[in-house]
Amino acid sequence: MNIQVYTKPGCTYCDQAKDLLTKCNLQYEEFVVGIHITKEELIEHLKRNVKTVPQIVIDKEVIGGFNHLKEYLLDQGYVNFKGEIIADKERETIQSNS
C-alpha cells in the first residue's frame, strides 16, 4: 500500500491522521505543504482545489482528510465503527468470513 500524507506544521488533524496510520501499522510518506510542496503543486497533484490538510492519497486514490481516512480504514477493516484499531489477526478473520 502506497500512502502519501500532505500536512502542515501545527495541524491537529494531520497529527491524528499520522497517529492513526501508525497505530494501524501502515507506513506512509509525509509531505509538508510549504516545505516539500507548495499549495499550488498540491492542488495540481491532487487535481482538485483543496483548502484543508491533511490530504491523504492511498495507491493514487485521493481519500481526502482525516474523517475520510477513518471511513476508508473502517471499510478496509483496520478500525471498527467506534474508530478502535482492529488487530491484524482479528482483521484476517473478518476478511476471510466476508
PDB file of N, CA and C in Angstrom:
ATOM      1  N   MET A   1       0.856  -1.172   0.000  1.00  0.00           N
ATOM      2  CA  MET A   1       0.000   0.000   0.000  1.00  0.00           C
ATOM      3  C   MET A   1       0.903   1.237   0.000  1.00  0.00           C
ATOM      4  N   ASN A   2       0.668   2.147  -0.919  1.00  0.00           N
ATOM      5  CA  ASN A   2       1.437   3.376  -1.023  1.00  0.00           C
ATOM      6  C   ASN A   2       0.589   4.517  -0.472  1.00  0.00           C
ATOM      7  N   ILE A   3       1.027   5.104   0.642  1.00  0.00           N
ATOM      8  CA  ILE A   3       0.245   6.151   1.308  1.00  0.00           C
ATOM      9  C   ILE A   3       1.063   7.436   1.355  1.00  0.00           C
ATOM     10  N   GLN A   4       0.442   8.520   0.904  1.00  0.00           N
ATOM     11  CA  GLN A   4       1.039   9.848   0.983  1.00  0.00           C
ATOM     12  C   GLN A   4       0.127  10.710   1.850  1.00  0.00           C
ATOM     13  N   VAL A   5       0.745  11.419   2.799  1.00  0.00           N
ATOM     14  CA  VAL A   5       0.000  12.303   3.691  1.00  0.00           C
ATOM     15  C   VAL A   5       0.563  13.711   3.517  1.00  0.00           C
ATOM     16  N   TYR A   6      -0.292  14.632   3.121  1.00  0.00           N
ATOM     17  CA  TYR A   6       0.095  16.032   2.939  1.00  0.00           C
ATOM     18  C   TYR A   6      -0.369  16.787   4.176  1.00  0.00           C
ATOM     19  N   THR A   7       0.576  17.445   4.849  1.00  0.00           N
ATOM     20  CA  THR A   7       0.306  18.053   6.149  1.00  0.00           C
ATOM     21  C   THR A   7       0.839  19.486   6.196  1.00  0.00           C
ATOM     22  N   LYS A   8       0.612  20.129   7.333  1.00  0.00           N
ATOM     23  CA  LYS A   8       1.277  21.388   7.653  1.00  0.00           C
ATOM     24  C   LYS A   8       1.590  21.372   9.144  1.00  0.00           C
ATOM     25  N   PRO A   9       2.628  22.098   9.558  1.00  0.00           N
ATOM     26  CA  PRO A   9       3.007  22.115  10.975  1.00  0.00           C
ATOM     27  C   PRO A   9       1.881  22.657  11.859  1.00  0.00           C
ATOM     28  N   GLY A  10       1.731  22.063  13.027  1.00  0.00           N
ATOM     29  CA  GLY A  10       0.751  22.532  13.997  1.00  0.00           C
ATOM     30  C   GLY A  10      -0.683  22.122  13.703  1.00  0.00           C
ATOM     31  N   CYS A  11      -0.890  21.234  12.762  1.00  0.00           N
ATOM     32  CA  CYS A  11      -2.233  20.799  12.375  1.00  0.00           C
ATOM     33  C   CYS A  11      -2.635  19.578  13.209  1.00  0.00           C
ATOM     34  N   THR A  12      -3.647  19.734  14.037  1.00  0.00           N
ATOM     35  CA  THR A  12      -4.110  18.651  14.908  1.00  0.00           C
ATOM     36  C   THR A  12      -4.620  17.463  14.104  1.00  0.00           C
ATOM     37  N   TYR A  13      -5.415  17.717  13.069  1.00  0.00           N
ATOM     38  CA  TYR A  13      -5.956  16.620  12.262  1.00  0.00           C
ATOM     39  C   TYR A  13      -4.848  15.883  11.514  1.00  0.00           C
ATOM     40  N   CYS A  14      -3.799  16.620  11.108  1.00  0.00           N
ATOM     41  CA  CYS A  14      -2.649  15.974  10.462  1.00  0.00           C
ATOM     42  C   CYS A  14      -1.983  15.004  11.433  1.00  0.00           C
ATOM     43  N   ASP A  15      -1.776  15.474  12.660  1.00  0.00           N
ATOM     44  CA  ASP A  15      -1.161  14.617  13.683  1.00  0.00           C
ATOM     45  C   ASP A  15      -2.030  13.398  13.971  1.00  0.00           C
ATOM     46  N   GLN A  16      -3.345  13.586  14.028  1.00  0.00           N
ATOM     47  CA  GLN A  16      -4.248  12.467  14.289  1.00  0.00           C
ATOM     48  C   GLN A  16      -4.235  11.460  13.143  1.00  0.00           C
ATOM     49  N   ALA A  17      -4.161  11.945  11.911  1.00  0.00           N
ATOM     50  CA  ALA A  17      -4.122  11.050  10.752  1.00  0.00           C
ATOM     51  C   ALA A  17      -2.840  10.222  10.775  1.00  0.00           C
ATOM     52  N   LYS A  18      -1.706  10.859  11.038  1.00  0.00           N
ATOM     53  CA  LYS A  18      -0.429  10.144  11.090  1.00  0.00           C
ATOM     54  C   LYS A  18      -0.418   9.140  12.232  1.00  0.00           C
ATOM     55  N   ASP A  19      -0.988   9.524  13.370  1.00  0.00           N
ATOM     56  CA  ASP A  19      -1.063   8.627  14.524  1.00  0.00           C
ATOM     57  C   ASP A  19      -1.932   7.412  14.213  1.00  0.00           C
ATOM     58  N   LEU A  20      -3.059   7.628  13.561  1.00  0.00           N
ATOM     59  CA  LEU A  20      -3.957   6.527  13.207  1.00  0.00           C
ATOM     60  C   LEU A  20      -3.279   5.563  12.234  1.00  0.00           C
ATOM     61  N   LEU A  21      -2.606   6.095  11.239  1.00  0.00           N
ATOM     62  CA  LEU A  21      -1.900   5.236  10.287  1.00  0.00           C
ATOM     63  C   LEU A  21      -0.815   4.416  10.992  1.00  0.00           C
ATOM     64  N   THR A  22      -0.096   5.061  11.901  1.00  0.00           N
ATOM     65  CA  THR A  22       0.955   4.370  12.652  1.00  0.00           C
ATOM     66  C   THR A  22       0.367   3.260  13.509  1.00  0.00           C
ATOM     67  N   LYS A  23      -0.734   3.541  14.197  1.00  0.00           N
ATOM     68  CA  LYS A  23      -1.380   2.528  15.048  1.00  0.00           C
ATOM     69  C   LYS A  23      -1.909   1.359  14.221  1.00  0.00           C
ATOM     70  N   CYS A  24      -2.249   1.612  12.965  1.00  0.00           N
ATOM     71  CA  CYS A  24      -2.716   0.543  12.066  1.00  0.00           C
ATOM     72  C   CYS A  24      -1.549  -0.171  11.388  1.00  0.00           C
ATOM     73  N   ASN A  25      -0.322   0.186  11.780  1.00  0.00           N
ATOM     74  CA  ASN A  25       0.900  -0.389  11.188  1.00  0.00           C
ATOM     75  C   ASN A  25       0.982  -0.137   9.684  1.00  0.00           C
ATOM     76  N   LEU A  26       0.527   1.025   9.267  1.00  0.00           N
ATOM     77  CA  LEU A  26       0.585   1.400   7.854  1.00  0.00           C
ATOM     78  C   LEU A  26       1.666   2.470   7.673  1.00  0.00           C
ATOM     79  N   GLN A  27       2.618   2.186   6.831  1.00  0.00           N
ATOM     80  CA  GLN A  27       3.686   3.142   6.559  1.00  0.00           C
ATOM     81  C   GLN A  27       3.193   4.182   5.572  1.00  0.00           C
ATOM     82  N   TYR A  28       3.665   5.400   5.745  1.00  0.00           N
ATOM     83  CA  TYR A  28       3.254   6.492   4.881  1.00  0.00           C
ATOM     84  C   TYR A  28       4.430   7.420   4.636  1.00  0.00           C
ATOM     85  N   GLU A  29       4.304   8.193   3.583  1.00  0.00           N
ATOM     86  CA  GLU A  29       5.286   9.221   3.265  1.00  0.00           C
ATOM     87  C   GLU A  29       4.607  10.567   3.521  1.00  0.00           C
ATOM     88  N   GLU A  30       5.271  11.426   4.275  1.00  0.00           N
ATOM     89  CA  GLU A  30       4.690  12.719   4.628  1.00  0.00           C
ATOM     90  C   GLU A  30       5.303  13.828   3.778  1.00  0.00           C
ATOM     91  N   PHE A  31       4.450  14.715   3.290  1.00  0.00           N
ATOM     92  CA  PHE A  31       4.875  15.893   2.554  1.00  0.00           C
ATOM     93  C   PHE A  31       4.294  17.110   3.258  1.00  0.00           C
ATOM     94  N   VAL A  32       5.154  18.009   3.711  1.00  0.00           N
ATOM     95  CA  VAL A  32       4.709  19.195   4.424  1.00  0.00           C
ATOM     96  C   VAL A  32       4.504  20.326   3.428  1.00  0.00           C
ATOM     97  N   VAL A  33       3.273  20.841   3.392  1.00  0.00           N
ATOM     98  CA  VAL A  33       2.935  21.945   2.493  1.00  0.00           C
ATOM     99  C   VAL A  33       3.711  23.177   2.960  1.00  0.00           C
ATOM    100  N   GLY A  34       4.413  23.788   2.019  1.00  0.00           N
ATOM    101  CA  GLY A  34       5.235  24.946   2.336  1.00  0.00           C
ATOM    102  C   GLY A  34       6.705  24.593   2.497  1.00  0.00           C
ATOM    103  N   ILE A  35       6.990  23.295   2.649  1.00  0.00           N
ATOM    104  CA  ILE A  35       8.381  22.836   2.752  1.00  0.00           C
ATOM    105  C   ILE A  35       8.707  21.893   1.606  1.00  0.00           C
ATOM    106  N   HIS A  36       7.960  20.783   1.510  1.00  0.00           N
ATOM    107  CA  HIS A  36       8.207  19.790   0.462  1.00  0.00           C
ATOM    108  C   HIS A  36       7.422  20.073  -0.813  1.00  0.00           C
ATOM    109  N   ILE A  37       6.315  20.783  -0.674  1.00  0.00           N
ATOM    110  CA  ILE A  37       5.413  21.017  -1.797  1.00  0.00           C
ATOM    111  C   ILE A  37       4.666  22.321  -1.528  1.00  0.00           C
ATOM    112  N   THR A  38       4.399  23.075  -2.590  1.00  0.00           N
ATOM    113  CA  THR A  38       3.610  24.298  -2.425  1.00  0.00           C
ATOM    114  C   THR A  38       2.124  23.954  -2.470  1.00  0.00           C
ATOM    115  N   LYS A  39       1.304  24.875  -2.018  1.00  0.00           N
ATOM    116  CA  LYS A  39      -0.144  24.660  -2.069  1.00  0.00           C
ATOM    117  C   LYS A  39      -0.592  24.489  -3.520  1.00  0.00           C
ATOM    118  N   GLU A  40       0.004  25.266  -4.415  1.00  0.00           N
ATOM    119  CA  GLU A  40      -0.356  25.188  -5.829  1.00  0.00           C
ATOM    120  C   GLU A  40       0.026  23.817  -6.413  1.00  0.00           C
ATOM    121  N   GLU A  41       1.199  23.314  -6.039  1.00  0.00           N
ATOM    122  CA  GLU A  41       1.631  21.997  -6.508  1.00  0.00           C
ATOM    123  C   GLU A  41       0.718  20.899  -5.964  1.00  0.00           C
ATOM    124  N   LEU A  42       0.277  21.058  -4.706  1.00  0.00           N
ATOM    125  CA  LEU A  42      -0.641  20.078  -4.114  1.00  0.00           C
ATOM    126  C   LEU A  42      -1.954  20.045  -4.885  1.00  0.00           C
ATOM    127  N   ILE A  43      -2.509  21.210  -5.180  1.00  0.00           N
ATOM    128  CA  ILE A  43      -3.757  21.294  -5.938  1.00  0.00           C
ATOM    129  C   ILE A  43      -3.588  20.648  -7.309  1.00  0.00           C
ATOM    130  N   GLU A  44      -2.457  20.922  -7.955  1.00  0.00           N
ATOM    131  CA  GLU A  44      -2.187  20.333  -9.270  1.00  0.00           C
ATOM    132  C   GLU A  44      -2.028  18.813  -9.164  1.00  0.00           C
ATOM    133  N   HIS A  45      -1.317  18.363  -8.139  1.00  0.00           N
ATOM    134  CA  HIS A  45      -1.083  16.924  -7.949  1.00  0.00           C
ATOM    135  C   HIS A  45      -2.393  16.170  -7.677  1.00  0.00           C
ATOM    136  N   LEU A  46      -3.241  16.735  -6.827  1.00  0.00           N
ATOM    137  CA  LEU A  46      -4.499  16.065  -6.453  1.00  0.00           C
ATOM    138  C   LEU A  46      -5.595  16.265  -7.499  1.00  0.00           C
ATOM    139  N   LYS A  47      -5.391  17.224  -8.386  1.00  0.00           N
ATOM    140  CA  LYS A  47      -6.375  17.559  -9.418  1.00  0.00           C
ATOM    141  C   LYS A  47      -7.718  17.983  -8.816  1.00  0.00           C
ATOM    142  N   ARG A  48      -7.622  18.691  -7.706  1.00  0.00           N
ATOM    143  CA  ARG A  48      -8.807  19.278  -7.072  1.00  0.00           C
ATOM    144  C   ARG A  48      -8.360  20.440  -6.195  1.00  0.00           C
ATOM    145  N   ASN A  49      -9.249  21.390  -6.007  1.00  0.00           N
ATOM    146  CA  ASN A  49      -8.930  22.588  -5.232  1.00  0.00           C
ATOM    147  C   ASN A  49      -9.181  22.308  -3.749  1.00  0.00           C
ATOM    148  N   VAL A  50      -8.139  21.871  -3.067  1.00  0.00           N
ATOM    149  CA  VAL A  50      -8.267  21.564  -1.641  1.00  0.00           C
ATOM    150  C   VAL A  50      -7.896  22.791  -0.825  1.00  0.00           C
ATOM    151  N   LYS A  51      -8.580  22.954   0.304  1.00  0.00           N
ATOM    152  CA  LYS A  51      -8.335  24.114   1.158  1.00  0.00           C
ATOM    153  C   LYS A  51      -7.888  23.708   2.552  1.00  0.00           C
ATOM    154  N   THR A  52      -7.889  22.395   2.832  1.00  0.00           N
ATOM    155  CA  THR A  52      -7.529  21.934   4.164  1.00  0.00           C
ATOM    156  C   THR A  52      -6.513  20.794   4.076  1.00  0.00           C
ATOM    157  N   VAL A  53      -5.830  20.600   5.163  1.00  0.00           N
ATOM    158  CA  VAL A  53      -4.955  19.441   5.344  1.00  0.00           C
ATOM    159  C   VAL A  53      -5.398  18.756   6.622  1.00  0.00           C
ATOM    160  N   PRO A  54      -5.122  17.476   6.771  1.00  0.00           N
ATOM    161  CA  PRO A  54      -4.325  16.669   5.873  1.00  0.00           C
ATOM    162  C   PRO A  54      -5.095  16.299   4.611  1.00  0.00           C
ATOM    163  N   GLN A  55      -4.345  15.943   3.606  1.00  0.00           N
ATOM    164  CA  GLN A  55      -4.890  15.316   2.413  1.00  0.00           C
ATOM    165  C   GLN A  55      -4.169  13.985   2.293  1.00  0.00           C
ATOM    166  N   ILE A  56      -4.924  12.912   2.204  1.00  0.00           N
ATOM    167  CA  ILE A  56      -4.352  11.568   2.179  1.00  0.00           C
ATOM    168  C   ILE A  56      -4.621  10.938   0.820  1.00  0.00           C
ATOM    169  N   VAL A  57      -3.573  10.338   0.255  1.00  0.00           N
ATOM    170  CA  VAL A  57      -3.661   9.635  -1.020  1.00  0.00           C
ATOM    171  C   VAL A  57      -3.186   8.209  -0.768  1.00  0.00           C
ATOM    172  N   ILE A  58      -4.009   7.231  -1.129  1.00  0.00           N
ATOM    173  CA  ILE A  58      -3.650   5.819  -0.954  1.00  0.00           C
ATOM    174  C   ILE A  58      -3.725   5.142  -2.311  1.00  0.00           C
ATOM    175  N   ASP A  59      -2.595   4.574  -2.718  1.00  0.00           N
ATOM    176  CA  ASP A  59      -2.497   3.906  -4.024  1.00  0.00           C
ATOM    177  C   ASP A  59      -3.074   4.777  -5.138  1.00  0.00           C
ATOM    178  N   LYS A  60      -2.664   6.038  -5.151  1.00  0.00           N
ATOM    179  CA  LYS A  60      -3.040   7.036  -6.166  1.00  0.00           C
ATOM    180  C   LYS A  60      -4.500   7.461  -6.113  1.00  0.00           C
ATOM    181  N   GLU A  61      -5.245   6.997  -5.113  1.00  0.00           N
ATOM    182  CA  GLU A  61      -6.641   7.420  -4.924  1.00  0.00           C
ATOM    183  C   GLU A  61      -6.680   8.484  -3.838  1.00  0.00           C
ATOM    184  N   VAL A  62      -7.238   9.645  -4.167  1.00  0.00           N
ATOM    185  CA  VAL A  62      -7.353  10.719  -3.187  1.00  0.00           C
ATOM    186  C   VAL A  62      -8.455  10.341  -2.201  1.00  0.00           C
ATOM    187  N   ILE A  63      -8.057  10.101  -0.955  1.00  0.00           N
ATOM    188  CA  ILE A  63      -9.004   9.720   0.099  1.00  0.00           C
ATOM    189  C   ILE A  63      -9.657  10.969   0.676  1.00  0.00           C
ATOM    190  N   GLY A  64      -8.862  12.012   0.894  1.00  0.00           N
ATOM    191  CA  GLY A  64      -9.369  13.251   1.476  1.00  0.00           C
ATOM    192  C   GLY A  64      -8.720  13.509   2.816  1.00  0.00           C
ATOM    193  N   GLY A  65      -9.485  14.068   3.743  1.00  0.00           N
ATOM    194  CA  GLY A  65      -8.968  14.456   5.044  1.00  0.00           C
ATOM    195  C   GLY A  65      -9.056  13.356   6.086  1.00  0.00           C
ATOM    196  N   PHE A  66      -8.904  13.757   7.349  1.00  0.00           N
ATOM    197  CA  PHE A  66      -8.849  12.809   8.454  1.00  0.00           C
ATOM    198  C   PHE A  66     -10.123  11.977   8.569  1.00  0.00           C
ATOM    199  N   ASN A  67     -11.287  12.613   8.489  1.00  0.00           N
ATOM    200  CA  ASN A  67     -12.541  11.854   8.606  1.00  0.00           C
ATOM    201  C   ASN A  67     -12.710  10.866   7.451  1.00  0.00           C
ATOM    202  N   HIS A  68     -12.285  11.268   6.259  1.00  0.00           N
ATOM    203  CA  HIS A  68     -12.339  10.354   5.116  1.00  0.00           C
ATOM    204  C   HIS A  68     -11.380   9.182   5.323  1.00  0.00           C
ATOM    205  N   LEU A  69     -10.229   9.452   5.946  1.00  0.00           N
ATOM    206  CA  LEU A  69      -9.274   8.381   6.249  1.00  0.00           C
ATOM    207  C   LEU A  69      -9.912   7.378   7.203  1.00  0.00           C
ATOM    208  N   LYS A  70     -10.597   7.860   8.239  1.00  0.00           N
ATOM    209  CA  LYS A  70     -11.255   6.947   9.181  1.00  0.00           C
ATOM    210  C   LYS A  70     -12.291   6.082   8.467  1.00  0.00           C
ATOM    211  N   GLU A  71     -13.064   6.664   7.576  1.00  0.00           N
ATOM    212  CA  GLU A  71     -14.056   5.906   6.809  1.00  0.00           C
ATOM    213  C   GLU A  71     -13.374   4.860   5.927  1.00  0.00           C
ATOM    214  N   TYR A  72     -12.283   5.238   5.290  1.00  0.00           N
ATOM    215  CA  TYR A  72     -11.540   4.315   4.428  1.00  0.00           C
ATOM    216  C   TYR A  72     -11.016   3.143   5.258  1.00  0.00           C
ATOM    217  N   LEU A  73     -10.431   3.442   6.415  1.00  0.00           N
ATOM    218  CA  LEU A  73      -9.870   2.384   7.263  1.00  0.00           C
ATOM    219  C   LEU A  73     -10.960   1.495   7.847  1.00  0.00           C
ATOM    220  N   LEU A  74     -12.145   2.038   8.079  1.00  0.00           N
ATOM    221  CA  LEU A  74     -13.290   1.230   8.504  1.00  0.00           C
ATOM    222  C   LEU A  74     -13.671   0.272   7.386  1.00  0.00           C
ATOM    223  N   ASP A  75     -13.786   0.792   6.172  1.00  0.00           N
ATOM    224  CA  ASP A  75     -14.142  -0.050   5.024  1.00  0.00           C
ATOM    225  C   ASP A  75     -13.112  -1.143   4.767  1.00  0.00           C
ATOM    226  N   GLN A  76     -11.843  -0.848   5.054  1.00  0.00           N
ATOM    227  CA  GLN A  76     -10.764  -1.803   4.813  1.00  0.00           C
ATOM    228  C   GLN A  76     -10.542  -2.756   5.998  1.00  0.00           C
ATOM    229  N   GLY A  77     -11.274  -2.549   7.100  1.00  0.00           N
ATOM    230  CA  GLY A  77     -11.171  -3.447   8.244  1.00  0.00           C
ATOM    231  C   GLY A  77     -10.039  -3.137   9.208  1.00  0.00           C
ATOM    232  N   TYR A  78      -9.482  -1.937   9.147  1.00  0.00           N
ATOM    233  CA  TYR A  78      -8.402  -1.562  10.060  1.00  0.00           C
ATOM    234  C   TYR A  78      -8.930  -1.006  11.381  1.00  0.00           C
ATOM    235  N   VAL A  79     -10.124  -0.417  11.352  1.00  0.00           N
ATOM    236  CA  VAL A  79     -10.752   0.105  12.569  1.00  0.00           C
ATOM    237  C   VAL A  79     -12.206  -0.356  12.591  1.00  0.00           C
ATOM    238  N   ASN A  80     -12.790  -0.369  13.797  1.00  0.00           N
ATOM    239  CA  ASN A  80     -14.205  -0.705  13.882  1.00  0.00           C
ATOM    240  C   ASN A  80     -15.033   0.582  13.817  1.00  0.00           C
ATOM    241  N   PHE A  81     -16.344   0.463  13.927  1.00  0.00           N
ATOM    242  CA  PHE A  81     -17.211   1.630  13.773  1.00  0.00           C
ATOM    243  C   PHE A  81     -16.978   2.679  14.856  1.00  0.00           C
ATOM    244  N   LYS A  82     -16.353   2.294  15.971  1.00  0.00           N
ATOM    245  CA  LYS A  82     -16.013   3.249  17.036  1.00  0.00           C
ATOM    246  C   LYS A  82     -14.667   3.926  16.782  1.00  0.00           C
ATOM    247  N   GLY A  83     -13.966   3.484  15.730  1.00  0.00           N
ATOM    248  CA  GLY A  83     -12.654   4.041  15.438  1.00  0.00           C
ATOM    249  C   GLY A  83     -11.523   3.338  16.163  1.00  0.00           C
ATOM    250  N   GLU A  84     -11.841   2.210  16.812  1.00  0.00           N
ATOM    251  CA  GLU A  84     -10.828   1.447  17.534  1.00  0.00           C
ATOM    252  C   GLU A  84     -10.059   0.559  16.558  1.00  0.00           C
ATOM    253  N   ILE A  85      -8.769   0.431  16.794  1.00  0.00           N
ATOM    254  CA  ILE A  85      -7.902  -0.351  15.921  1.00  0.00           C
ATOM    255  C   ILE A  85      -8.260  -1.830  16.026  1.00  0.00           C
ATOM    256  N   ILE A  86      -8.334  -2.486  14.874  1.00  0.00           N
ATOM    257  CA  ILE A  86      -8.592  -3.926  14.824  1.00  0.00           C
ATOM    258  C   ILE A  86      -7.245  -4.619  14.644  1.00  0.00           C
ATOM    259  N   ALA A  87      -6.956  -5.569  15.516  1.00  0.00           N
ATOM    260  CA  ALA A  87      -5.688  -6.296  15.456  1.00  0.00           C
ATOM    261  C   ALA A  87      -5.575  -7.068  14.149  1.00  0.00           C
ATOM    262  N   ASP A  88      -4.337  -7.296  13.693  1.00  0.00           N
ATOM    263  CA  ASP A  88      -4.088  -7.989  12.425  1.00  0.00           C
ATOM    264  C   ASP A  88      -4.823  -9.325  12.341  1.00  0.00           C
ATOM    265  N   LYS A  89      -4.744 -10.148  13.405  1.00  0.00           N
ATOM    266  CA  LYS A  89      -5.376 -11.475  13.369  1.00  0.00           C
ATOM    267  C   LYS A  89      -6.894 -11.347  13.287  1.00  0.00           C
ATOM    268  N   GLU A  90      -7.451 -10.420  14.043  1.00  0.00           N
ATOM    269  CA  GLU A  90      -8.902 -10.217  14.012  1.00  0.00           C
ATOM    270  C   GLU A  90      -9.333  -9.733  12.626  1.00  0.00           C
ATOM    271  N   ARG A  91      -8.545  -8.848  12.016  1.00  0.00           N
ATOM    272  CA  ARG A  91      -8.856  -8.342  10.685  1.00  0.00           C
ATOM    273  C   ARG A  91      -8.814  -9.469   9.665  1.00  0.00           C
ATOM    274  N   GLU A  92      -7.831 -10.370   9.772  1.00  0.00           N
ATOM    275  CA  GLU A  92      -7.735 -11.517   8.862  1.00  0.00           C
ATOM    276  C   GLU A  92      -8.970 -12.412   8.983  1.00  0.00           C
ATOM    277  N   THR A  93      -9.452 -12.609  10.212  1.00  0.00           N
ATOM    278  CA  THR A  93     -10.637 -13.416  10.445  1.00  0.00           C
ATOM    279  C   THR A  93     -11.864 -12.767   9.818  1.00  0.00           C
ATOM    280  N   ILE A  94     -11.992 -11.452  10.013  1.00  0.00           N
ATOM    281  CA  ILE A  94     -13.138 -10.717   9.459  1.00  0.00           C
ATOM    282  C   ILE A  94     -13.110 -10.791   7.935  1.00  0.00           C
ATOM    283  N   GLN A  95     -11.945 -10.587   7.328  1.00  0.00           N
ATOM    284  CA  GLN A  95     -11.837 -10.596   5.876  1.00  0.00           C
ATOM    285  C   GLN A  95     -12.087 -11.983   5.293  1.00  0.00           C
ATOM    286  N   SER A  96     -11.657 -13.036   5.992  1.00  0.00           N
ATOM    287  CA  SER A  96     -11.869 -14.383   5.477  1.00  0.00           C
ATOM    288  C   SER A  96     -13.337 -14.805   5.587  1.00  0.00           C
ATOM    289  N   ASN A  97     -14.079 -14.191   6.498  1.00  0.00           N
ATOM    290  CA  ASN A  97     -15.503 -14.500   6.647  1.00  0.00           C
ATOM    291  C   ASN A  97     -16.376 -13.699   5.681  1.00  0.00           C
ATOM    292  N   SER A  98     -15.772 -12.713   5.017  1.00  0.00           N
ATOM    293  CA  SER A  98     -16.560 -11.863   4.087  1.00  0.00           C
ATOM    294  C   SER A  98     -16.810 -12.551   2.776  1.00  0.00           C
TER     295      SER A  98
END
